[in-house]
Amino acid sequence: MNVLIVDDEPLAREHLSDVLRKLGGYTLLEPGASHGEEALSLIENLKPDVVLLDIRLPGLDGLQVAAKLCERELPPSVVFCVAPDEFSLQALQESGVSYVIKPATAEALGAALKDAHRPNRVQLAALTRPAAQTGSGPRSHISARTRKGIELIPIDQVIYFIADHKYVTLRHEGGEVLLDEPLKALEDEFGERFVRIHRNALVARDRIERLQRTPLGHFQLFLRGLNGDALIVSRRHVAGVRKMMQQL
């Protein structure tokens, strides 16, 4: 089988290469990929049978890369290379994905390669749930059902959440998706990263650029990533937003 290694750390790629050579029976596609976009390009060109895929990658991370592979007709099998503090072992086992814990031993990698298969979106979404994270902290990704299936959005790419009737619109760097989750639940989970500016709106604290009063006396909040568009801040939340901005 042809194997492609995807990891942003050269030492990690070197370690996996050494272990793979010791196992024998596998062809290593050199030099491997160091980020998600490069991985997708190499997968398209080299057609590996298996991808050893790190979860933490710059740009598109491992879960997003795998989700995009799910859209292809003949995607490669994937073995996730997981840091010990990323997911609970129970969550990894229950999700059904193929994985090894870093640094991988020859025995563990050999077993994972024999078990390697193409992950599906349901398995990937399972790894984004709070219980999957070691320590049960907030999710690292939000999973949303779209026409393509399940889309995974890293929480650090989210610009805002806006509630409208029974759905919540999530705006992120690549567009918008609809969530079937209450805004209050999102605030409870991600309150350290987001601030409420209206009864129906949460915005990412690190996206805030400026608060501006309009000639009519309303307050607008400008956010990085919205290309000049602004959101209205309700009067009851202006003082809280100002106080928070002073602490940024």
C-alpha atoms as a PDB file:
ATOM      1  CA  MET A   1       0.000   0.000   0.000  1.00  0.00           C
ATOM      2  CA  ASN A   2       1.067   3.545  -0.722  1.00  0.00           C
ATOM      3  CA  VAL A   3       1.096   5.698   2.425  1.00  0.00           C
ATOM      4  CA  LEU A   4       1.130   9.500   2.734  1.00  0.00           C
ATOM      5  CA  ILE A   5       2.124  11.151   6.017  1.00  0.00           C
ATOM      6  CA  VAL A   6       0.482  14.467   6.951  1.00  0.00           C
ATOM      7  CA  ASP A   7       1.953  16.270   9.963  1.00  0.00           C
ATOM      8  CA  ASP A   8       3.211  19.826  10.464  1.00  0.00           C
ATOM      9  CA  GLU A   9       6.085  18.661  12.689  1.00  0.00           C
ATOM     10  CA  PRO A  10       9.141  17.369  10.735  1.00  0.00           C
ATOM     11  CA  LEU A  11      10.241  15.177  13.651  1.00  0.00           C
ATOM     12  CA  ALA A  12       6.810  13.547  13.802  1.00  0.00           C
ATOM     13  CA  ARG A  13       6.896  12.832  10.063  1.00  0.00           C
ATOM     14  CA  GLU A  14      10.401  11.401  10.428  1.00  0.00           C
ATOM     15  CA  HIS A  15       9.313   9.167  13.309  1.00  0.00           C
ATOM     16  CA  LEU A  16       6.345   7.782  11.377  1.00  0.00           C
ATOM     17  CA  SER A  17       8.579   7.248   8.332  1.00  0.00           C
ATOM     18  CA  ASP A  18      11.061   5.230  10.403  1.00  0.00           C
ATOM     19  CA  VAL A  19       8.324   3.094  11.953  1.00  0.00           C
ATOM     20  CA  LEU A  20       6.731   2.502   8.561  1.00  0.00           C
ATOM     21  CA  ARG A  21      10.003   1.335   7.045  1.00  0.00           C
ATOM     22  CA  LYS A  22      10.526  -1.094   9.921  1.00  0.00           C
ATOM     23  CA  LEU A  23       7.097  -2.598   9.337  1.00  0.00           C
ATOM     24  CA  GLY A  24       7.836  -3.310   5.673  1.00  0.00           C
ATOM     25  CA  GLY A  25       5.281  -3.897   2.950  1.00  0.00           C
ATOM     26  CA  TYR A  26       4.378  -0.220   2.578  1.00  0.00           C
ATOM     27  CA  THR A  27       5.530   2.385   0.059  1.00  0.00           C
ATOM     28  CA  LEU A  28       6.121   5.780   1.625  1.00  0.00           C
ATOM     29  CA  LEU A  29       5.125   8.716  -0.564  1.00  0.00           C
ATOM     30  CA  GLU A  30       7.763  11.370   0.107  1.00  0.00           C
ATOM     31  CA  PRO A  31       8.086  14.003   1.409  1.00  0.00           C
ATOM     32  CA  GLY A  32       4.602  14.085   2.958  1.00  0.00           C
ATOM     33  CA  ALA A  33       2.452  17.132   3.724  1.00  0.00           C
ATOM     34  CA  SER A  34       2.728  19.746   6.472  1.00  0.00           C
ATOM     35  CA  HIS A  35      -0.723  21.366   6.297  1.00  0.00           C
ATOM     36  CA  GLY A  36      -4.261  20.554   5.252  1.00  0.00           C
ATOM     37  CA  GLU A  37      -4.374  22.280   1.869  1.00  0.00           C
ATOM     38  CA  GLU A  38      -1.110  20.635   0.823  1.00  0.00           C
ATOM     39  CA  ALA A  39      -2.458  17.270   1.974  1.00  0.00           C
ATOM     40  CA  LEU A  40      -5.558  17.545  -0.215  1.00  0.00           C
ATOM     41  CA  SER A  41      -3.430  18.500  -3.217  1.00  0.00           C
ATOM     42  CA  LEU A  42      -1.004  15.593  -2.720  1.00  0.00           C
ATOM     43  CA  ILE A  43      -3.849  13.151  -2.162  1.00  0.00           C
ATOM     44  CA  GLU A  44      -5.392  14.265  -5.448  1.00  0.00           C
ATOM     45  CA  ASN A  45      -2.091  13.878  -7.330  1.00  0.00           C
ATOM     46  CA  LEU A  46      -0.488  10.859  -5.652  1.00  0.00           C
ATOM     47  CA  LYS A  47      -3.606   8.752  -4.931  1.00  0.00           C
ATOM     48  CA  PRO A  48      -2.345   7.139  -1.692  1.00  0.00           C
ATOM     49  CA  ASP A  49      -4.088   4.063  -0.330  1.00  0.00           C
ATOM     50  CA  VAL A  50      -3.742   5.277   3.262  1.00  0.00           C
ATOM     51  CA  VAL A  51      -3.137   8.696   4.832  1.00  0.00           C
ATOM     52  CA  LEU A  52      -1.529   9.003   8.271  1.00  0.00           C
ATOM     53  CA  LEU A  53      -3.282  12.205   9.275  1.00  0.00           C
ATOM     54  CA  ASP A  54      -2.383  14.445  12.195  1.00  0.00           C
ATOM     55  CA  ILE A  55      -5.385  16.147  13.843  1.00  0.00           C
ATOM     56  CA  ARG A  56      -3.676  19.449  14.671  1.00  0.00           C
ATOM     57  CA  LEU A  57      -2.662  21.120  11.428  1.00  0.00           C
ATOM     58  CA  PRO A  58      -2.366  24.763  10.378  1.00  0.00           C
ATOM     59  CA  GLY A  59      -5.131  25.947   8.074  1.00  0.00           C
ATOM     60  CA  LEU A  60      -7.480  23.040   7.503  1.00  0.00           C
ATOM     61  CA  ASP A  61      -6.998  20.638  10.391  1.00  0.00           C
ATOM     62  CA  GLY A  62      -7.118  16.856  10.225  1.00  0.00           C
ATOM     63  CA  LEU A  63     -10.853  16.539  10.875  1.00  0.00           C
ATOM     64  CA  GLN A  64     -11.619  19.082   8.150  1.00  0.00           C
ATOM     65  CA  VAL A  65      -9.303  17.322   5.691  1.00  0.00           C
ATOM     66  CA  ALA A  66     -11.037  14.018   6.414  1.00  0.00           C
ATOM     67  CA  ALA A  67     -14.457  15.658   6.004  1.00  0.00           C
ATOM     68  CA  LYS A  68     -13.442  16.975   2.577  1.00  0.00           C
ATOM     69  CA  LEU A  69     -12.191  13.515   1.624  1.00  0.00           C
ATOM     70  CA  CYS A  70     -15.672  12.186   2.416  1.00  0.00           C
ATOM     71  CA  GLU A  71     -16.953  14.264  -0.521  1.00  0.00           C
ATOM     72  CA  ARG A  72     -14.764  12.351  -3.007  1.00  0.00           C
ATOM     73  CA  GLU A  73     -15.832   9.240  -4.883  1.00  0.00           C
ATOM     74  CA  LEU A  74     -12.751   7.155  -4.039  1.00  0.00           C
ATOM     75  CA  PRO A  75     -11.062   8.645  -0.967  1.00  0.00           C
ATOM     76  CA  PRO A  76      -8.088   6.940   0.688  1.00  0.00           C
ATOM     77  CA  SER A  77      -8.301   5.206   4.019  1.00  0.00           C
ATOM     78  CA  VAL A  78      -7.283   7.359   6.986  1.00  0.00           C
ATOM     79  CA  VAL A  79      -5.413   6.644  10.202  1.00  0.00           C
ATOM     80  CA  PHE A  80      -5.607   9.607  12.578  1.00  0.00           C
ATOM     81  CA  CYS A  81      -2.430  10.368  14.524  1.00  0.00           C
ATOM     82  CA  VAL A  82      -3.678  11.698  17.852  1.00  0.00           C
ATOM     83  CA  ALA A  83      -1.826  13.449  20.674  1.00  0.00           C
ATOM     84  CA  PRO A  84      -2.477  11.858  24.094  1.00  0.00           C
ATOM     85  CA  ASP A  85      -4.390  14.912  25.356  1.00  0.00           C
ATOM     86  CA  GLU A  86      -6.650  15.406  22.320  1.00  0.00           C
ATOM     87  CA  PHE A  87      -9.446  12.878  22.753  1.00  0.00           C
ATOM     88  CA  SER A  88     -10.464  10.319  25.342  1.00  0.00           C
ATOM     89  CA  LEU A  89      -9.636   6.736  24.379  1.00  0.00           C
ATOM     90  CA  GLN A  90     -13.273   5.794  24.889  1.00  0.00           C
ATOM     91  CA  ALA A  91     -14.408   8.479  22.437  1.00  0.00           C
ATOM     92  CA  LEU A  92     -11.879   7.331  19.816  1.00  0.00           C
ATOM     93  CA  GLN A  93     -12.966   3.735  20.172  1.00  0.00           C
ATOM     94  CA  GLU A  94     -16.681   4.538  20.099  1.00  0.00           C
ATOM     95  CA  SER A  95     -16.318   6.817  17.047  1.00  0.00           C
ATOM     96  CA  GLY A  96     -15.042   3.909  14.968  1.00  0.00           C
ATOM     97  CA  VAL A  97     -12.179   5.811  13.303  1.00  0.00           C
ATOM     98  CA  SER A  98      -8.764   4.220  12.771  1.00  0.00           C
ATOM     99  CA  TYR A  99      -6.152   5.897  14.963  1.00  0.00           C
ATOM    100  CA  VAL A 100      -2.795   5.702  16.725  1.00  0.00           C
ATOM    101  CA  ILE A 101      -1.660   7.636  19.773  1.00  0.00           C
ATOM    102  CA  LYS A 102       1.494   9.701  19.198  1.00  0.00           C
ATOM    103  CA  PRO A 103       4.315   8.721  19.252  1.00  0.00           C
ATOM    104  CA  ALA A 104       3.177   5.562  17.461  1.00  0.00           C
ATOM    105  CA  THR A 105       4.862   2.241  18.135  1.00  0.00           C
ATOM    106  CA  ALA A 106       5.425  -0.269  15.340  1.00  0.00           C
ATOM    107  CA  GLU A 107       2.863  -2.613  16.871  1.00  0.00           C
ATOM    108  CA  ALA A 108       0.186   0.086  17.178  1.00  0.00           C
ATOM    109  CA  LEU A 109       0.809   1.509  13.706  1.00  0.00           C
ATOM    110  CA  GLY A 110       0.792  -1.941  12.113  1.00  0.00           C
ATOM    111  CA  ALA A 111      -2.550  -2.754  13.744  1.00  0.00           C
ATOM    112  CA  ALA A 112      -4.029   0.615  12.731  1.00  0.00           C
ATOM    113  CA  LEU A 113      -2.913   0.201   9.113  1.00  0.00           C
ATOM    114  CA  LYS A 114      -4.535  -3.238   8.925  1.00  0.00           C
ATOM    115  CA  ASP A 115      -7.732  -1.702  10.310  1.00  0.00           C
ATOM    116  CA  ALA A 116      -7.518   1.447   8.170  1.00  0.00           C
ATOM    117  CA  HIS A 117     -10.743   2.473   6.460  1.00  0.00           C
ATOM    118  CA  ARG A 118     -12.457   5.528   5.056  1.00  0.00           C
ATOM    119  CA  PRO A 119     -14.044   7.544   7.869  1.00  0.00           C
ATOM    120  CA  ASN A 120     -17.536   8.921   7.423  1.00  0.00           C
ATOM    121  CA  ARG A 121     -18.967  12.250   8.565  1.00  0.00           C
ATOM    122  CA  VAL A 122     -20.899  10.707  11.444  1.00  0.00           C
ATOM    123  CA  GLN A 123     -17.650   9.326  12.897  1.00  0.00           C
ATOM    124  CA  LEU A 124     -15.916  12.695  12.468  1.00  0.00           C
ATOM    125  CA  ALA A 125     -18.807  14.580  14.072  1.00  0.00           C
ATOM    126  CA  ALA A 126     -18.633  12.230  17.068  1.00  0.00           C
ATOM    127  CA  LEU A 127     -15.109  13.483  17.779  1.00  0.00           C
ATOM    128  CA  THR A 128     -16.332  17.092  17.985  1.00  0.00           C
ATOM    129  CA  ARG A 129     -18.711  16.452  20.897  1.00  0.00           C
ATOM    130  CA  PRO A 130     -17.695  17.740  24.356  1.00  0.00           C
ATOM    131  CA  ALA A 131     -17.517  14.243  25.840  1.00  0.00           C
ATOM    132  CA  ALA A 132     -14.949  13.249  23.213  1.00  0.00           C
ATOM    133  CA  GLN A 133     -12.460  15.817  24.436  1.00  0.00           C
ATOM    134  CA  THR A 134     -10.085  14.846  27.228  1.00  0.00           C
ATOM    135  CA  GLY A 135     -11.378  16.595  30.335  1.00  0.00           C
ATOM    136  CA  SER A 136     -14.786  17.167  28.653  1.00  0.00           C
ATOM    137  CA  GLY A 137     -14.013  20.806  27.823  1.00  0.00           C
ATOM    138  CA  PRO A 138     -15.724  22.848  25.102  1.00  0.00           C
ATOM    139  CA  ARG A 139     -15.799  21.440  21.596  1.00  0.00           C
ATOM    140  CA  SER A 140     -12.928  22.242  19.266  1.00  0.00           C
ATOM    141  CA  HIS A 141     -15.334  22.144  16.297  1.00  0.00           C
ATOM    142  CA  ILE A 142     -19.000  22.776  15.597  1.00  0.00           C
ATOM    143  CA  SER A 143     -20.697  20.183  13.407  1.00  0.00           C
ATOM    144  CA  ALA A 144     -23.474  21.371  11.087  1.00  0.00           C
ATOM    145  CA  ARG A 145     -25.650  19.463   8.635  1.00  0.00           C
ATOM    146  CA  THR A 146     -25.384  20.895   5.114  1.00  0.00           C
ATOM    147  CA  ARG A 147     -26.219  19.693   1.621  1.00  0.00           C
ATOM    148  CA  LYS A 148     -22.840  17.935   1.595  1.00  0.00           C
ATOM    149  CA  GLY A 149     -23.564  16.072   4.813  1.00  0.00           C
ATOM    150  CA  ILE A 150     -21.837  17.192   8.003  1.00  0.00           C
ATOM    151  CA  GLU A 151     -19.514  20.195   7.881  1.00  0.00           C
ATOM    152  CA  LEU A 152     -16.956  20.712  10.652  1.00  0.00           C
ATOM    153  CA  ILE A 153     -16.105  24.299  11.600  1.00  0.00           C
ATOM    154  CA  PRO A 154     -13.229  24.960  14.047  1.00  0.00           C
ATOM    155  CA  ILE A 155     -14.478  27.160  16.862  1.00  0.00           C
ATOM    156  CA  ASP A 156     -11.599  29.603  16.332  1.00  0.00           C
ATOM    157  CA  GLN A 157     -12.946  30.317  12.822  1.00  0.00           C
ATOM    158  CA  VAL A 158     -16.414  31.284  14.080  1.00  0.00           C
ATOM    159  CA  ILE A 159     -17.233  35.020  13.842  1.00  0.00           C
ATOM    160  CA  TYR A 160     -20.707  35.054  15.359  1.00  0.00           C
ATOM    161  CA  PHE A 161     -23.869  33.117  16.237  1.00  0.00           C
ATOM    162  CA  ILE A 162     -27.247  34.736  15.548  1.00  0.00           C
ATOM    163  CA  ALA A 163     -30.539  33.133  16.610  1.00  0.00           C
ATOM    164  CA  ASP A 164     -33.545  33.375  14.312  1.00  0.00           C
ATOM    165  CA  HIS A 165     -36.653  31.477  15.395  1.00  0.00           C
ATOM    166  CA  LYS A 166     -35.661  27.844  16.036  1.00  0.00           C
ATOM    167  CA  TYR A 167     -32.303  27.934  14.200  1.00  0.00           C
ATOM    168  CA  VAL A 168     -28.968  29.643  14.844  1.00  0.00           C
ATOM    169  CA  THR A 169     -26.884  31.041  11.992  1.00  0.00           C
ATOM    170  CA  LEU A 170     -23.165  30.427  12.446  1.00  0.00           C
ATOM    171  CA  ARG A 171     -20.995  32.811  10.429  1.00  0.00           C
ATOM    172  CA  HIS A 172     -17.427  31.642   9.912  1.00  0.00           C
ATOM    173  CA  GLU A 173     -14.470  32.484   7.702  1.00  0.00           C
ATOM    174  CA  GLY A 174     -15.785  30.382   4.836  1.00  0.00           C
ATOM    175  CA  GLY A 175     -19.483  31.262   4.903  1.00  0.00           C
ATOM    176  CA  GLU A 176     -22.584  30.423   6.930  1.00  0.00           C
ATOM    177  CA  VAL A 177     -24.306  27.297   8.239  1.00  0.00           C
ATOM    178  CA  LEU A 178     -27.474  26.700  10.235  1.00  0.00           C
ATOM    179  CA  LEU A 179     -27.378  25.005  13.639  1.00  0.00           C
ATOM    180  CA  ASP A 180     -30.172  23.287  15.492  1.00  0.00           C
ATOM    181  CA  GLU A 181     -28.743  24.309  18.881  1.00  0.00           C
ATOM    182  CA  PRO A 182     -30.064  26.894  21.382  1.00  0.00           C
ATOM    183  CA  LEU A 183     -28.062  30.107  21.610  1.00  0.00           C
ATOM    184  CA  LYS A 184     -28.046  29.829  25.412  1.00  0.00           C
ATOM    185  CA  ALA A 185     -26.395  26.404  25.226  1.00  0.00           C
ATOM    186  CA  LEU A 186     -23.700  27.802  22.917  1.00  0.00           C
ATOM    187  CA  GLU A 187     -23.136  30.706  25.320  1.00  0.00           C
ATOM    188  CA  ASP A 188     -22.817  28.329  28.278  1.00  0.00           C
ATOM    189  CA  GLU A 189     -20.282  26.171  26.422  1.00  0.00           C
ATOM    190  CA  PHE A 190     -18.204  28.889  24.751  1.00  0.00           C
ATOM    191  CA  GLY A 191     -18.762  31.863  27.070  1.00  0.00           C
ATOM    192  CA  GLU A 192     -15.040  32.468  27.507  1.00  0.00           C
ATOM    193  CA  ARG A 193     -14.607  33.030  23.760  1.00  0.00           C
ATOM    194  CA  PHE A 194     -17.857  34.823  22.896  1.00  0.00           C
ATOM    195  CA  VAL A 195     -19.789  37.784  24.241  1.00  0.00           C
ATOM    196  CA  ARG A 196     -23.509  38.502  23.977  1.00  0.00           C
ATOM    197  CA  ILE A 197     -24.279  41.785  22.198  1.00  0.00           C
ATOM    198  CA  HIS A 198     -28.004  41.272  21.738  1.00  0.00           C
ATOM    199  CA  ARG A 199     -30.603  38.851  23.046  1.00  0.00           C
ATOM    200  CA  ASN A 200     -30.154  36.888  19.805  1.00  0.00           C
ATOM    201  CA  ALA A 201     -26.431  37.371  19.052  1.00  0.00           C
ATOM    202  CA  LEU A 202     -23.055  36.137  20.308  1.00  0.00           C
ATOM    203  CA  VAL A 203     -19.806  37.387  18.753  1.00  0.00           C
ATOM    204  CA  ALA A 204     -16.223  36.164  19.031  1.00  0.00           C
ATOM    205  CA  ARG A 205     -14.254  38.361  21.424  1.00  0.00           C
ATOM    206  CA  ASP A 206     -11.056  38.160  19.403  1.00  0.00           C
ATOM    207  CA  ARG A 207     -12.886  39.342  16.259  1.00  0.00           C
ATOM    208  CA  ILE A 208     -14.002  42.668  17.722  1.00  0.00           C
ATOM    209  CA  GLU A 209     -12.492  45.727  16.032  1.00  0.00           C
ATOM    210  CA  ARG A 210     -14.521  48.743  17.213  1.00  0.00           C
ATOM    211  CA  LEU A 211     -17.811  49.923  18.687  1.00  0.00           C
ATOM    212  CA  GLN A 212     -19.384  52.871  16.908  1.00  0.00           C
ATOM    213  CA  ARG A 213     -22.441  55.010  17.582  1.00  0.00           C
ATOM    214  CA  THR A 214     -24.640  55.891  14.592  1.00  0.00           C
ATOM    215  CA  PRO A 215     -26.236  59.320  13.981  1.00  0.00           C
ATOM    216  CA  LEU A 216     -29.537  57.814  15.135  1.00  0.00           C
ATOM    217  CA  GLY A 217     -28.018  56.774  18.457  1.00  0.00           C
ATOM    218  CA  HIS A 218     -27.713  53.059  17.792  1.00  0.00           C
ATOM    219  CA  PHE A 219     -24.489  51.171  18.499  1.00  0.00           C
ATOM    220  CA  GLN A 220     -22.739  49.084  15.856  1.00  0.00           C
ATOM    221  CA  LEU A 221     -19.987  46.530  16.417  1.00  0.00           C
ATOM    222  CA  PHE A 222     -17.457  45.963  13.643  1.00  0.00           C
ATOM    223  CA  LEU A 223     -15.856  42.517  13.494  1.00  0.00           C
ATOM    224  CA  ARG A 224     -12.764  41.262  11.721  1.00  0.00           C
ATOM    225  CA  GLY A 225     -13.811  39.023   8.856  1.00  0.00           C
ATOM    226  CA  LEU A 226     -17.101  40.742   7.997  1.00  0.00           C
ATOM    227  CA  ASN A 227     -15.653  43.016   5.285  1.00  0.00           C
ATOM    228  CA  GLY A 228     -16.963  46.240   6.806  1.00  0.00           C
ATOM    229  CA  ASP A 229     -20.400  44.968   7.835  1.00  0.00           C
ATOM    230  CA  ALA A 230     -21.489  45.613  11.414  1.00  0.00           C
ATOM    231  CA  LEU A 231     -23.879  44.097  13.942  1.00  0.00           C
ATOM    232  CA  ILE A 232     -26.268  46.067  16.145  1.00  0.00           C
ATOM    233  CA  VAL A 233     -25.547  46.071  19.890  1.00  0.00           C
ATOM    234  CA  SER A 234     -28.671  46.367  22.026  1.00  0.00           C
ATOM    235  CA  ARG A 235     -28.710  49.191  24.583  1.00  0.00           C
ATOM    236  CA  ARG A 236     -28.799  46.810  27.533  1.00  0.00           C
ATOM    237  CA  HIS A 237     -25.553  45.156  26.344  1.00  0.00           C
ATOM    238  CA  VAL A 238     -23.556  48.273  25.371  1.00  0.00           C
ATOM    239  CA  ALA A 239     -22.041  48.787  28.831  1.00  0.00           C
ATOM    240  CA  GLY A 240     -20.962  45.148  29.063  1.00  0.00           C
ATOM    241  CA  VAL A 241     -19.420  45.202  25.604  1.00  0.00           C
ATOM    242  CA  ARG A 242     -17.503  48.415  26.406  1.00  0.00           C
ATOM    243  CA  LYS A 243     -16.180  46.948  29.638  1.00  0.00           C
ATOM    244  CA  MET A 244     -15.113  43.765  27.887  1.00  0.00           C
ATOM    245  CA  MET A 245     -13.351  45.735  25.129  1.00  0.00           C
ATOM    246  CA  GLN A 246     -11.321  47.638  27.731  1.00  0.00           C
ATOM    247  CA  GLN A 247      -9.959  44.305  28.926  1.00  0.00           C
ATOM    248  CA  LEU A 248      -8.914  43.082  25.460  1.00  0.00           C
END
